[in-house]
Amino acid sequence: MSKSPLLLFFLLISFPFLSHAQYDFLIKNGRILDGSGNPWFKADIAIKNDRIIAIGNLEKATATQIIDALDNYISPGFIDPHSHAASGLIAADRSPAFPLLAQGVTTVIINPDGRSPMDLLQQKKELLAHGLGVNAIPLMGHGSVRQKVLGMEDRLASVTEIEEMKALIKQGMEDGAYGISTGPFYAPGSFSNTAELVELSKVVAEYDGVYTSHIRDESNYTVGLVAAVEEVIEISRQAKLPAVVTHIKALGPPVWGYSEAVIQRIESARATGLEIYADQYPYIASATGLGAALLPRWAQSGGRDSLLARFNTPQVLVKLKKDMEKNLARRGGAARIQFRYFSADNTVEGKNLQEMATQWNLSPIDAAITMLKKSNVGIVSFNMQESDVHNFMQQPWTMTCSDGSFPKWGEGVPHPRAFGTFPRKIHHYVLEKEVIGLAAAIRSMTSLPAQVFKIKNRGLIKEGAIADIVIFDLAKIKDNATFTKPYQLAEGMEYVFVNGKAAIFEGKSTNVLNGKVLLKN
């Protein structure tokens, strides 16, 4: 008996075939883009349970399932660093997340723009209640925290209120948030000052978290685009944490061409040792609420009841309309604003503000006010120029994001980014326009967001990493969603693995729900 282990050892080294592992999946004949930005290379990949076990010449290996990649590209699963998909993923009919998987997305970072639940552990339970098709990573939202403590009041927080907000942020970080999201463009986040954001971000820094922001101004609404980026840099400097200018853009004619100034500010900050990053969706149109786009922030103080009272006060309405006219000009005019959803009248959805103003025989501002009085209104705003999009996309610190929601199929006319972001960047900006190379594009979707948010064991194809993997046909990869017909799935993803299980196999959904809620702690 005592000699048996020694005998087994000699058998294993004498007959190597006896030690070959039995893998779950063996992927052969693929071009591996490992996520680092390096050129592709050929090798086999072996998966066991949720891990990449081996990479190399594995011709003698055996597996339950052998996949011939047919010379297609293999990359890490895509990580979306700015996603509004959480509310959709909670729904039973959307939890499989096929529109996301069809883009190659295996992980979404949720609760952006300063909005999040107060209880992230409860959000985790809700996300997992019906199973989950992709991984989800939570952030803690400053705007929601501020509203919890101060309501919608347009004033600076007191020392006591700052402490209350810090306690809520601390709890969120203890519960596993990867950082704080802010939206000082939106009320009530817009009522904060830089000092407040610094103090709260210091709590996040204690947990090695990240600051990500829908910046205070992407145009010239208030402080201006460049100053708003500088605020993010200053928060990073004072709070000592990485910071992200999220869905970076130069919004509207007044700031077209400002991408160069923004890039210069970020490069200068990085030269001093600050970790400043950006994320970007590959479209020239943004999406937001009609109120957020046109209403001055002073008009939103106190919430919806206070806004309606201002609409019905003649002397206040005069000033309100003047400010709305200025904001409409910043957006490039009424014809550039298309409606995504309007619960009071869904026949409006897909049309633009100029069309509705003409139909109702009203000025565009009066048409907008008529709609805002009835309900919230979602819009797509065509307000960017391609040269700025290209400039930001080419920066090595820019990640790819969708900023996409996850609506019920056929509900409204959402921005197509919810269905096409990642394939669009590859098809339109890599292959057609050649703005960036394929390896750089894949890096912006994989290892870069994993690095920025410190997501362990994801974002790279390497031995020991979690097996979030996509195999795509470069000749077929394409976004089909448009601004008028957004409910069209992307093409080209042949296989998508989430935590080692195939969610898409030979181009078809397997209905496997193997996603997880990833908490930082």
Protein backbone atom coordinates (compact mmCIF):
# COMPACT_ATOMS: atom_id res chain seq x y z
CA MET A 1 0.00 0.00 0.00
CA SER A 2 2.77 2.43 0.88
CA LYS A 3 4.28 2.02 -2.60
CA SER A 4 1.05 2.81 -4.49
CA PRO A 5 1.41 6.63 -4.59
CA LEU A 6 5.02 6.26 -5.81
CA LEU A 7 3.96 3.76 -8.47
CA LEU A 8 1.20 6.11 -9.65
CA PHE A 9 3.70 8.95 -9.92
CA PHE A 10 6.02 6.91 -12.17
CA LEU A 11 3.08 5.82 -14.32
CA LEU A 12 2.02 9.44 -14.84
CA ILE A 13 5.45 10.66 -15.91
CA SER A 14 6.08 7.56 -18.04
CA PHE A 15 2.71 7.68 -19.84
CA PRO A 16 1.67 11.36 -20.17
CA PHE A 17 -1.62 10.52 -21.85
CA LEU A 18 -2.85 9.17 -18.50
CA SER A 19 -2.66 12.69 -16.97
CA HIS A 20 -4.60 14.54 -19.69
CA ALA A 21 -7.49 16.45 -18.16
CA GLN A 22 -11.07 15.93 -19.21
CA TYR A 23 -12.32 19.43 -20.02
CA ASP A 24 -15.87 20.69 -20.37
CA PHE A 25 -15.10 22.60 -23.58
CA LEU A 26 -12.15 22.60 -25.93
CA ILE A 27 -12.04 25.47 -28.45
CA LYS A 28 -9.79 24.86 -31.45
CA ASN A 29 -8.78 26.67 -34.64
CA GLY A 30 -9.54 30.20 -33.44
CA ARG A 31 -7.73 33.52 -33.64
CA ILE A 32 -7.33 34.70 -30.06
CA LEU A 33 -7.53 38.41 -29.31
CA ASP A 34 -6.69 38.14 -25.63
CA GLY A 35 -7.98 41.60 -24.67
CA SER A 36 -4.57 43.16 -24.06
CA GLY A 37 -4.51 45.03 -27.36
CA ASN A 38 -1.92 42.66 -28.81
CA PRO A 39 -2.43 41.09 -32.26
CA TRP A 40 -4.33 37.81 -32.49
CA PHE A 41 -2.57 34.47 -32.18
CA LYS A 42 -3.65 30.88 -32.75
CA ALA A 43 -4.02 28.46 -29.86
CA ASP A 44 -6.50 26.05 -28.30
CA ILE A 45 -8.48 26.98 -25.19
CA ALA A 46 -9.68 24.49 -22.57
CA ILE A 47 -12.50 25.30 -20.15
CA LYS A 48 -13.34 23.41 -16.98
CA ASN A 49 -16.14 24.54 -14.68
CA ASP A 50 -15.94 28.36 -14.77
CA ARG A 51 -12.24 28.72 -15.63
CA ILE A 52 -9.88 28.83 -18.56
CA ILE A 53 -7.61 25.94 -17.60
CA ALA A 54 -5.16 25.78 -20.49
CA ILE A 55 -4.15 27.73 -23.60
CA GLY A 56 -1.80 26.35 -26.25
CA ASN A 57 -1.39 23.26 -28.38
CA LEU A 58 -3.94 20.94 -26.81
CA GLU A 59 -4.28 18.42 -29.64
CA LYS A 60 -4.09 15.45 -27.25
CA ALA A 61 -6.68 16.86 -24.84
CA THR A 62 -10.20 15.52 -24.56
CA ALA A 63 -13.37 17.39 -23.70
CA THR A 64 -17.09 16.88 -23.34
CA GLN A 65 -17.63 19.37 -26.14
CA ILE A 66 -15.09 20.28 -28.84
CA ILE A 67 -15.77 23.51 -30.71
CA ASP A 68 -14.16 24.23 -34.06
CA ALA A 69 -13.87 28.02 -34.15
CA LEU A 70 -13.34 27.87 -37.93
CA ASP A 71 -10.70 30.62 -37.88
CA ASN A 72 -13.12 33.05 -36.22
CA TYR A 73 -11.98 35.48 -33.53
CA ILE A 74 -12.02 34.59 -29.84
CA SER A 75 -11.96 37.32 -27.22
CA PRO A 76 -12.93 37.88 -23.60
CA GLY A 77 -16.61 38.60 -23.04
CA PHE A 78 -17.39 42.29 -23.40
CA ILE A 79 -17.78 44.39 -20.25
CA ASP A 80 -20.22 47.31 -20.47
CA PRO A 81 -19.03 49.94 -17.95
CA HIS A 82 -22.20 52.05 -18.18
CA SER A 83 -25.48 50.15 -18.38
CA HIS A 84 -29.07 50.98 -17.47
CA ALA A 85 -30.09 47.34 -17.93
CA ALA A 86 -30.73 46.52 -14.26
CA SER A 87 -34.47 47.24 -14.24
CA GLY A 88 -34.90 45.05 -17.32
CA LEU A 89 -32.75 42.21 -16.01
CA ILE A 90 -34.93 42.01 -12.89
CA ALA A 91 -37.95 41.17 -15.05
CA ALA A 92 -38.53 37.45 -15.61
CA ASP A 93 -39.02 37.85 -19.36
CA ARG A 94 -35.73 39.74 -19.79
CA SER A 95 -33.44 38.08 -17.26
CA PRO A 96 -31.89 35.80 -19.96
CA ALA A 97 -30.46 39.03 -21.47
CA PHE A 98 -30.28 37.73 -25.02
CA PRO A 99 -30.09 41.22 -26.67
CA LEU A 100 -26.98 41.82 -24.55
CA LEU A 101 -25.45 38.42 -25.18
CA ALA A 102 -26.07 38.81 -28.91
CA GLN A 103 -23.68 41.78 -28.74
CA GLY A 104 -21.06 39.72 -26.89
CA VAL A 105 -21.73 41.42 -23.55
CA THR A 106 -21.15 39.13 -20.58
CA THR A 107 -20.88 41.72 -17.78
CA VAL A 108 -22.72 44.99 -17.17
CA ILE A 109 -21.85 47.68 -14.64
CA ILE A 110 -25.17 49.01 -13.36
CA ASN A 111 -26.58 52.01 -11.45
CA PRO A 112 -24.92 54.79 -13.48
CA ASP A 113 -25.49 58.58 -13.61
CA GLY A 114 -25.99 58.87 -9.85
CA ARG A 115 -29.02 56.58 -9.60
CA SER A 116 -29.08 53.37 -7.56
CA PRO A 117 -31.17 51.55 -4.98
CA MET A 118 -30.23 52.28 -1.38
CA ASP A 119 -30.02 48.56 -0.64
CA LEU A 120 -27.64 46.83 -3.05
CA LEU A 121 -28.09 43.44 -1.40
CA GLN A 122 -31.81 43.65 -2.08
CA GLN A 123 -31.03 44.58 -5.67
CA LYS A 124 -28.84 41.47 -5.88
CA LYS A 125 -31.74 39.30 -4.70
CA GLU A 126 -34.05 40.85 -7.29
CA LEU A 127 -31.54 40.34 -10.09
CA LEU A 128 -31.08 36.69 -9.22
CA ALA A 129 -34.75 35.95 -8.55
CA HIS A 130 -35.36 34.61 -12.07
CA GLY A 131 -31.77 33.74 -12.92
CA LEU A 132 -29.43 36.06 -14.77
CA GLY A 133 -28.01 35.77 -18.27
CA VAL A 134 -25.07 38.11 -17.73
CA ASN A 135 -22.94 39.23 -14.81
CA ALA A 136 -23.92 42.46 -13.03
CA ILE A 137 -21.65 44.78 -11.05
CA PRO A 138 -23.29 47.50 -8.90
CA LEU A 139 -22.31 51.09 -8.26
CA MET A 140 -23.71 53.35 -5.53
CA GLY A 141 -25.54 56.43 -6.88
CA HIS A 142 -24.83 59.88 -5.45
CA GLY A 143 -28.07 61.43 -6.74
CA SER A 144 -30.18 58.79 -5.01
CA VAL A 145 -28.22 59.20 -1.80
CA ARG A 146 -28.63 62.99 -1.93
CA GLN A 147 -32.35 62.70 -2.60
CA LYS A 148 -32.68 60.35 0.38
CA VAL A 149 -31.07 62.93 2.67
CA LEU A 150 -32.04 66.31 1.15
CA GLY A 151 -34.94 65.52 -1.16
CA MET A 152 -34.97 67.72 -4.27
CA GLU A 153 -33.83 70.87 -2.49
CA ASP A 154 -31.61 73.23 -4.48
CA ARG A 155 -29.03 74.04 -1.84
CA LEU A 156 -25.69 72.93 -0.49
CA ALA A 157 -25.62 70.15 2.05
CA SER A 158 -24.86 70.91 5.68
CA VAL A 159 -22.03 69.22 7.56
CA THR A 160 -24.56 66.92 9.22
CA GLU A 161 -26.13 66.02 5.87
CA ILE A 162 -22.72 65.31 4.37
CA GLU A 163 -22.11 62.87 7.21
CA GLU A 164 -25.47 61.20 6.58
CA MET A 165 -24.62 60.79 2.90
CA LYS A 166 -21.18 59.45 3.74
CA ALA A 167 -22.76 56.80 5.97
CA LEU A 168 -25.06 55.69 3.13
CA ILE A 169 -22.15 55.55 0.68
CA LYS A 170 -20.11 53.60 3.22
CA GLN A 171 -22.91 51.07 3.59
CA GLY A 172 -23.11 50.69 -0.19
CA MET A 173 -19.38 50.08 -0.40
CA GLU A 174 -19.58 47.59 2.49
CA ASP A 175 -22.32 45.79 0.56
CA GLY A 176 -20.05 45.38 -2.45
CA ALA A 177 -20.33 48.44 -4.70
CA TYR A 178 -17.37 48.92 -7.03
CA GLY A 179 -17.59 52.69 -6.77
CA ILE A 180 -19.81 55.74 -6.88
CA SER A 181 -21.72 57.04 -9.88
CA THR A 182 -22.67 60.70 -10.03
CA GLY A 183 -24.80 62.82 -12.31
CA PRO A 184 -24.23 66.48 -11.48
CA PHE A 185 -25.90 67.34 -14.79
CA TYR A 186 -29.17 66.00 -13.38
CA ALA A 187 -31.23 67.18 -10.43
CA PRO A 188 -30.66 66.62 -7.54
CA GLY A 189 -26.99 65.87 -8.22
CA SER A 190 -26.73 69.24 -9.94
CA PHE A 191 -27.47 70.94 -6.61
CA SER A 192 -24.21 69.62 -5.14
CA ASN A 193 -20.84 71.32 -5.37
CA THR A 194 -17.41 69.87 -5.96
CA ALA A 195 -16.59 69.80 -2.25
CA GLU A 196 -19.57 67.53 -1.55
CA LEU A 197 -18.54 65.11 -4.29
CA VAL A 198 -14.96 65.08 -2.99
CA GLU A 199 -16.03 64.26 0.57
CA LEU A 200 -18.24 61.37 -0.54
CA SER A 201 -15.58 60.09 -2.94
CA LYS A 202 -13.07 59.92 -0.11
CA VAL A 203 -15.26 57.21 1.44
CA VAL A 204 -15.21 55.34 -1.88
CA ALA A 205 -11.41 55.63 -2.05
CA GLU A 206 -11.14 53.85 1.31
CA TYR A 207 -12.64 50.80 -0.39
CA ASP A 208 -10.44 51.06 -3.49
CA GLY A 209 -13.48 52.15 -5.52
CA VAL A 210 -13.94 54.23 -8.67
CA TYR A 211 -15.63 57.58 -9.32
CA THR A 212 -17.70 57.70 -12.53
CA SER A 213 -19.67 60.73 -13.61
CA HIS A 214 -22.22 62.01 -16.07
CA ILE A 215 -20.38 65.30 -15.88
CA ARG A 216 -21.93 68.60 -14.84
CA ASP A 217 -22.05 69.94 -18.38
CA GLU A 218 -21.42 68.26 -21.74
CA SER A 219 -22.18 71.47 -23.66
CA ASN A 220 -22.40 75.06 -22.38
CA TYR A 221 -25.47 74.75 -20.16
CA THR A 222 -23.70 75.94 -16.99
CA VAL A 223 -19.97 75.62 -16.32
CA GLY A 224 -19.17 74.33 -19.81
CA LEU A 225 -17.75 71.06 -21.09
CA VAL A 226 -14.08 71.69 -20.34
CA ALA A 227 -14.71 72.93 -16.79
CA ALA A 228 -16.94 69.93 -16.13
CA VAL A 229 -14.14 67.56 -17.14
CA GLU A 230 -11.76 69.54 -14.96
CA GLU A 231 -14.14 68.99 -12.03
CA VAL A 232 -13.81 65.22 -12.48
CA ILE A 233 -10.04 65.58 -12.52
CA GLU A 234 -10.11 67.70 -9.37
CA ILE A 235 -12.28 65.15 -7.55
CA SER A 236 -9.83 62.42 -8.54
CA ARG A 237 -6.93 64.52 -7.28
CA GLN A 238 -8.46 65.43 -3.93
CA ALA A 239 -10.17 62.14 -3.14
CA LYS A 240 -7.29 60.03 -4.50
CA LEU A 241 -9.23 57.57 -6.61
CA PRO A 242 -9.60 56.68 -10.33
CA ALA A 243 -12.26 58.69 -12.17
CA VAL A 244 -14.25 58.15 -15.35
CA VAL A 245 -15.83 60.78 -17.60
CA THR A 246 -18.74 58.63 -18.63
CA HIS A 247 -20.28 58.61 -22.15
CA ILE A 248 -17.78 61.29 -23.11
CA LYS A 249 -18.96 63.67 -25.82
CA ALA A 250 -19.08 67.24 -27.10
CA LEU A 251 -22.83 67.83 -27.08
CA GLY A 252 -24.31 70.40 -29.44
CA PRO A 253 -23.01 72.99 -31.90
CA PRO A 254 -21.64 75.34 -29.21
CA VAL A 255 -18.96 72.80 -28.25
CA TRP A 256 -18.35 70.89 -31.47
CA GLY A 257 -14.60 70.55 -31.88
CA TYR A 258 -13.92 70.71 -28.13
CA SER A 259 -12.76 67.10 -28.04
CA GLU A 260 -9.17 68.23 -28.52
CA ALA A 261 -9.33 70.52 -25.45
CA VAL A 262 -10.89 67.76 -23.35
CA ILE A 263 -8.29 65.22 -24.46
CA GLN A 264 -5.53 67.68 -23.59
CA ARG A 265 -6.92 68.14 -20.06
CA ILE A 266 -7.14 64.40 -19.48
CA GLU A 267 -3.67 63.73 -20.89
CA SER A 268 -2.21 66.46 -18.67
CA ALA A 269 -3.92 64.99 -15.61
CA ARG A 270 -2.68 61.51 -16.42
CA ALA A 271 0.83 62.89 -16.84
CA THR A 272 0.70 64.00 -13.19
CA GLY A 273 -0.18 60.46 -12.10
CA LEU A 274 -3.98 60.68 -11.93
CA GLU A 275 -6.02 57.75 -13.24
CA ILE A 276 -8.54 59.52 -15.49
CA TYR A 277 -10.51 57.46 -17.98
CA ALA A 278 -13.58 57.80 -20.19
CA ASP A 279 -16.22 55.58 -21.71
CA GLN A 280 -18.13 56.21 -24.93
CA TYR A 281 -20.94 54.79 -27.04
CA PRO A 282 -20.32 54.69 -30.82
CA TYR A 283 -23.19 56.90 -31.98
CA ILE A 284 -23.67 60.58 -32.80
CA ALA A 285 -26.95 60.74 -30.88
CA SER A 286 -27.45 60.68 -27.13
CA ALA A 287 -30.52 59.78 -25.10
CA THR A 288 -31.98 61.40 -22.01
CA GLY A 289 -35.22 62.87 -20.74
CA LEU A 290 -36.90 65.84 -22.41
CA GLY A 291 -36.90 67.62 -19.07
CA ALA A 292 -33.21 66.98 -18.51
CA ALA A 293 -32.43 68.30 -21.98
CA LEU A 294 -34.57 71.45 -21.97
CA LEU A 295 -35.50 72.45 -18.42
CA PRO A 296 -33.12 74.67 -16.43
CA ARG A 297 -32.16 73.03 -13.15
CA TRP A 298 -33.71 75.79 -11.05
CA ALA A 299 -37.10 74.80 -12.48
CA GLN A 300 -36.69 71.23 -11.16
CA SER A 301 -36.00 72.23 -7.56
CA GLY A 302 -38.62 70.71 -5.28
CA GLY A 303 -39.65 67.97 -7.68
CA ARG A 304 -42.52 67.53 -10.12
CA ASP A 305 -45.22 69.34 -8.13
CA SER A 306 -43.03 72.44 -7.93
CA LEU A 307 -42.31 72.22 -11.67
CA LEU A 308 -46.02 72.07 -12.52
CA ALA A 309 -46.65 75.09 -10.30
CA ARG A 310 -43.98 77.02 -12.24
CA PHE A 311 -45.61 76.08 -15.53
CA ASN A 312 -48.85 77.57 -14.22
CA THR A 313 -47.31 80.81 -12.92
CA PRO A 314 -47.25 83.32 -15.84
CA GLN A 315 -44.34 85.48 -14.69
CA VAL A 316 -42.20 82.41 -13.92
CA LEU A 317 -43.20 80.76 -17.20
CA VAL A 318 -41.76 83.67 -19.21
CA LYS A 319 -38.28 83.13 -17.74
CA LEU A 320 -38.66 79.36 -17.97
CA LYS A 321 -39.43 79.52 -21.69
CA LYS A 322 -36.42 81.76 -22.35
CA ASP A 323 -34.11 79.29 -20.64
CA MET A 324 -35.69 76.39 -22.50
CA GLU A 325 -35.15 78.19 -25.82
CA LYS A 326 -31.44 78.45 -25.03
CA ASN A 327 -31.25 74.77 -24.12
CA LEU A 328 -33.08 73.80 -27.30
CA ALA A 329 -30.49 75.72 -29.31
CA ARG A 330 -27.74 73.84 -27.46
CA ARG A 331 -29.34 70.63 -28.70
CA GLY A 332 -29.29 71.86 -32.30
CA GLY A 333 -33.02 72.62 -32.64
CA ALA A 334 -36.36 70.82 -32.48
CA ALA A 335 -35.74 68.57 -35.50
CA ARG A 336 -32.80 66.93 -33.69
CA ILE A 337 -34.95 65.70 -30.79
CA GLN A 338 -36.73 62.38 -31.37
CA PHE A 339 -39.09 60.86 -28.81
CA ARG A 340 -38.24 57.48 -27.28
CA TYR A 341 -41.26 57.11 -25.02
CA PHE A 342 -44.27 59.17 -23.95
CA SER A 343 -46.72 57.26 -21.77
CA ALA A 344 -49.51 59.79 -22.34
CA ASP A 345 -49.56 59.19 -26.12
CA ASN A 346 -47.43 56.48 -27.68
CA THR A 347 -48.22 57.72 -31.21
CA VAL A 348 -45.64 60.43 -30.52
CA GLU A 349 -42.85 57.84 -30.14
CA GLY A 350 -40.39 57.85 -33.02
CA LYS A 351 -41.35 61.37 -34.15
CA ASN A 352 -39.37 64.53 -33.49
CA LEU A 353 -40.23 67.70 -31.62
CA GLN A 354 -40.53 69.81 -34.75
CA GLU A 355 -43.03 67.37 -36.25
CA MET A 356 -45.18 67.42 -33.12
CA ALA A 357 -45.04 71.21 -32.84
CA THR A 358 -46.24 71.50 -36.44
CA GLN A 359 -48.94 68.88 -35.91
CA TRP A 360 -50.25 70.65 -32.80
CA ASN A 361 -49.79 74.16 -34.26
CA LEU A 362 -47.54 75.16 -31.36
CA SER A 363 -44.02 76.45 -30.98
CA PRO A 364 -41.50 73.71 -30.16
CA ILE A 365 -41.18 75.01 -26.59
CA ASP A 366 -44.93 75.05 -26.05
CA ALA A 367 -45.16 71.56 -27.50
CA ALA A 368 -42.46 70.40 -25.09
CA ILE A 369 -44.23 71.98 -22.12
CA THR A 370 -47.51 70.37 -23.17
CA MET A 371 -45.83 66.98 -23.04
CA LEU A 372 -43.92 67.60 -19.82
CA LYS A 373 -47.15 68.56 -18.06
CA LYS A 374 -48.60 65.13 -18.87
CA SER A 375 -45.76 62.73 -18.07
CA ASN A 376 -42.06 62.04 -18.33
CA VAL A 377 -40.75 62.02 -21.88
CA GLY A 378 -37.69 60.15 -23.17
CA ILE A 379 -35.75 61.50 -26.14
CA VAL A 380 -32.94 60.71 -28.54
CA SER A 381 -30.93 63.83 -29.33
CA PHE A 382 -28.80 64.04 -32.48
CA ASN A 383 -26.17 66.40 -31.16
CA MET A 384 -22.63 65.16 -31.89
CA GLN A 385 -20.28 65.35 -34.83
CA GLU A 386 -18.21 62.44 -36.10
CA SER A 387 -14.80 64.11 -35.74
CA ASP A 388 -15.26 64.43 -31.96
CA VAL A 389 -16.54 60.85 -31.74
CA HIS A 390 -13.42 59.67 -33.60
CA ASN A 391 -11.05 61.71 -31.43
CA PHE A 392 -12.41 60.33 -28.18
CA MET A 393 -12.58 56.78 -29.55
CA GLN A 394 -8.91 56.74 -30.48
CA GLN A 395 -7.68 57.46 -26.94
CA PRO A 396 -6.14 54.49 -25.10
CA TRP A 397 -8.04 55.47 -21.93
CA THR A 398 -11.51 55.31 -23.56
CA MET A 399 -13.68 52.26 -22.86
CA THR A 400 -16.69 51.20 -24.93
CA CYS A 401 -20.05 51.52 -23.19
CA SER A 402 -23.69 51.32 -24.27
CA ASP A 403 -25.45 53.66 -21.81
CA GLY A 404 -28.31 51.41 -22.91
CA SER A 405 -31.50 50.49 -21.13
CA PHE A 406 -33.17 47.10 -21.47
CA PRO A 407 -36.79 47.85 -22.42
CA LYS A 408 -39.52 45.31 -22.88
CA TRP A 409 -39.58 44.27 -26.52
CA GLY A 410 -41.62 46.79 -28.52
CA GLU A 411 -42.01 49.24 -25.62
CA GLY A 412 -41.29 52.72 -26.99
CA VAL A 413 -38.61 53.60 -29.54
CA PRO A 414 -35.36 53.36 -27.55
CA HIS A 415 -31.89 54.38 -28.62
CA PRO A 416 -30.44 51.53 -30.75
CA ARG A 417 -27.39 51.36 -28.50
CA ALA A 418 -29.37 48.98 -26.28
CA PHE A 419 -29.23 46.40 -29.08
CA GLY A 420 -26.18 47.23 -31.17
CA THR A 421 -23.37 49.09 -29.38
CA PHE A 422 -20.52 46.58 -29.41
CA PRO A 423 -21.02 45.05 -32.87
CA ARG A 424 -21.53 48.58 -34.23
CA LYS A 425 -18.14 49.70 -32.98
CA ILE A 426 -16.49 46.74 -34.70
CA HIS A 427 -18.52 46.84 -37.92
CA HIS A 428 -18.80 50.61 -38.39
CA TYR A 429 -15.71 52.10 -36.76
CA VAL A 430 -13.17 49.27 -37.16
CA LEU A 431 -14.11 47.73 -40.51
CA GLU A 432 -15.91 50.49 -42.42
CA LYS A 433 -14.37 53.73 -41.18
CA GLU A 434 -11.06 52.31 -39.86
CA VAL A 435 -11.04 54.77 -36.98
CA ILE A 436 -9.31 52.23 -34.71
CA GLY A 437 -7.91 48.73 -35.09
CA LEU A 438 -9.70 45.55 -34.08
CA ALA A 439 -7.31 44.67 -31.24
CA ALA A 440 -7.67 48.19 -29.77
CA ALA A 441 -11.46 48.01 -30.02
CA ILE A 442 -11.53 44.66 -28.22
CA ARG A 443 -9.24 46.02 -25.50
CA SER A 444 -11.64 48.93 -24.95
CA MET A 445 -14.43 46.39 -24.34
CA THR A 446 -12.54 43.91 -22.17
CA SER A 447 -9.28 44.39 -20.29
CA LEU A 448 -9.58 48.18 -20.02
CA PRO A 449 -12.89 48.22 -18.10
CA ALA A 450 -11.65 45.27 -16.03
CA GLN A 451 -8.55 47.30 -15.18
CA VAL A 452 -10.44 50.53 -14.44
CA PHE A 453 -13.01 48.92 -12.14
CA LYS A 454 -10.58 46.34 -10.72
CA ILE A 455 -12.68 43.37 -11.80
CA LYS A 456 -10.70 40.31 -10.85
CA ASN A 457 -9.98 37.48 -13.29
CA ARG A 458 -12.00 38.91 -16.17
CA GLY A 459 -11.28 40.93 -19.27
CA LEU A 460 -8.35 38.81 -20.48
CA ILE A 461 -8.01 35.38 -22.03
CA LYS A 462 -5.38 33.79 -19.85
CA GLU A 463 -4.99 30.60 -17.86
CA GLY A 464 -6.87 30.83 -14.57
CA ALA A 465 -9.23 33.56 -15.74
CA ILE A 466 -13.00 33.21 -15.53
CA ALA A 467 -14.32 31.76 -18.80
CA ASP A 468 -16.32 34.71 -20.07
CA ILE A 469 -15.54 34.22 -23.76
CA VAL A 470 -17.00 35.22 -27.12
CA ILE A 471 -16.33 33.73 -30.55
CA PHE A 472 -17.40 35.97 -33.41
CA ASP A 473 -17.37 35.90 -37.18
CA LEU A 474 -15.76 39.18 -38.25
CA ALA A 475 -17.36 38.96 -41.70
CA LYS A 476 -20.83 38.71 -40.17
CA ILE A 477 -20.62 40.95 -37.12
CA LYS A 478 -23.11 43.77 -37.49
CA ASP A 479 -25.57 45.92 -35.59
CA ASN A 480 -29.06 45.93 -37.10
CA ALA A 481 -30.82 48.28 -34.68
CA THR A 482 -31.66 51.73 -36.07
CA PHE A 483 -33.11 54.89 -34.55
CA THR A 484 -36.54 54.18 -36.03
CA LYS A 485 -36.41 50.37 -35.77
CA PRO A 486 -34.31 49.62 -32.70
CA TYR A 487 -35.71 46.17 -31.86
CA GLN A 488 -33.32 44.24 -34.06
CA LEU A 489 -30.71 41.90 -32.64
CA ALA A 490 -27.05 42.14 -33.53
CA GLU A 491 -25.40 39.42 -35.63
CA GLY A 492 -22.07 37.66 -35.71
CA MET A 493 -21.73 36.14 -32.23
CA GLU A 494 -21.32 32.41 -32.81
CA TYR A 495 -20.59 31.42 -29.21
CA VAL A 496 -20.83 33.31 -25.92
CA PHE A 497 -19.70 31.78 -22.63
CA VAL A 498 -20.69 33.22 -19.25
CA ASN A 499 -18.79 31.80 -16.28
CA GLY A 500 -17.84 28.72 -18.30
CA LYS A 501 -21.31 27.88 -19.64
CA ALA A 502 -22.46 28.46 -23.22
CA ALA A 503 -25.21 31.09 -23.33
CA ILE A 504 -25.03 31.24 -27.14
CA PHE A 505 -24.04 28.11 -29.06
CA GLU A 506 -23.72 28.10 -32.85
CA GLY A 507 -25.43 31.50 -32.95
CA LYS A 508 -28.49 30.48 -30.93
CA SER A 509 -29.53 31.11 -27.35
CA THR A 510 -29.22 28.14 -25.01
CA ASN A 511 -31.36 29.81 -22.32
CA VAL A 512 -28.62 29.03 -19.81
CA LEU A 513 -28.72 31.57 -16.98
CA ASN A 514 -25.21 31.46 -15.56
CA GLY A 515 -24.67 35.13 -14.73
CA LYS A 516 -23.75 36.35 -11.27
CA VAL A 517 -24.01 39.56 -9.28
CA LEU A 518 -20.37 40.36 -8.61
CA LEU A 519 -19.82 42.22 -5.35
CA LYS A 520 -16.48 43.85 -4.66
CA ASN A 521 -16.13 42.41 -1.18
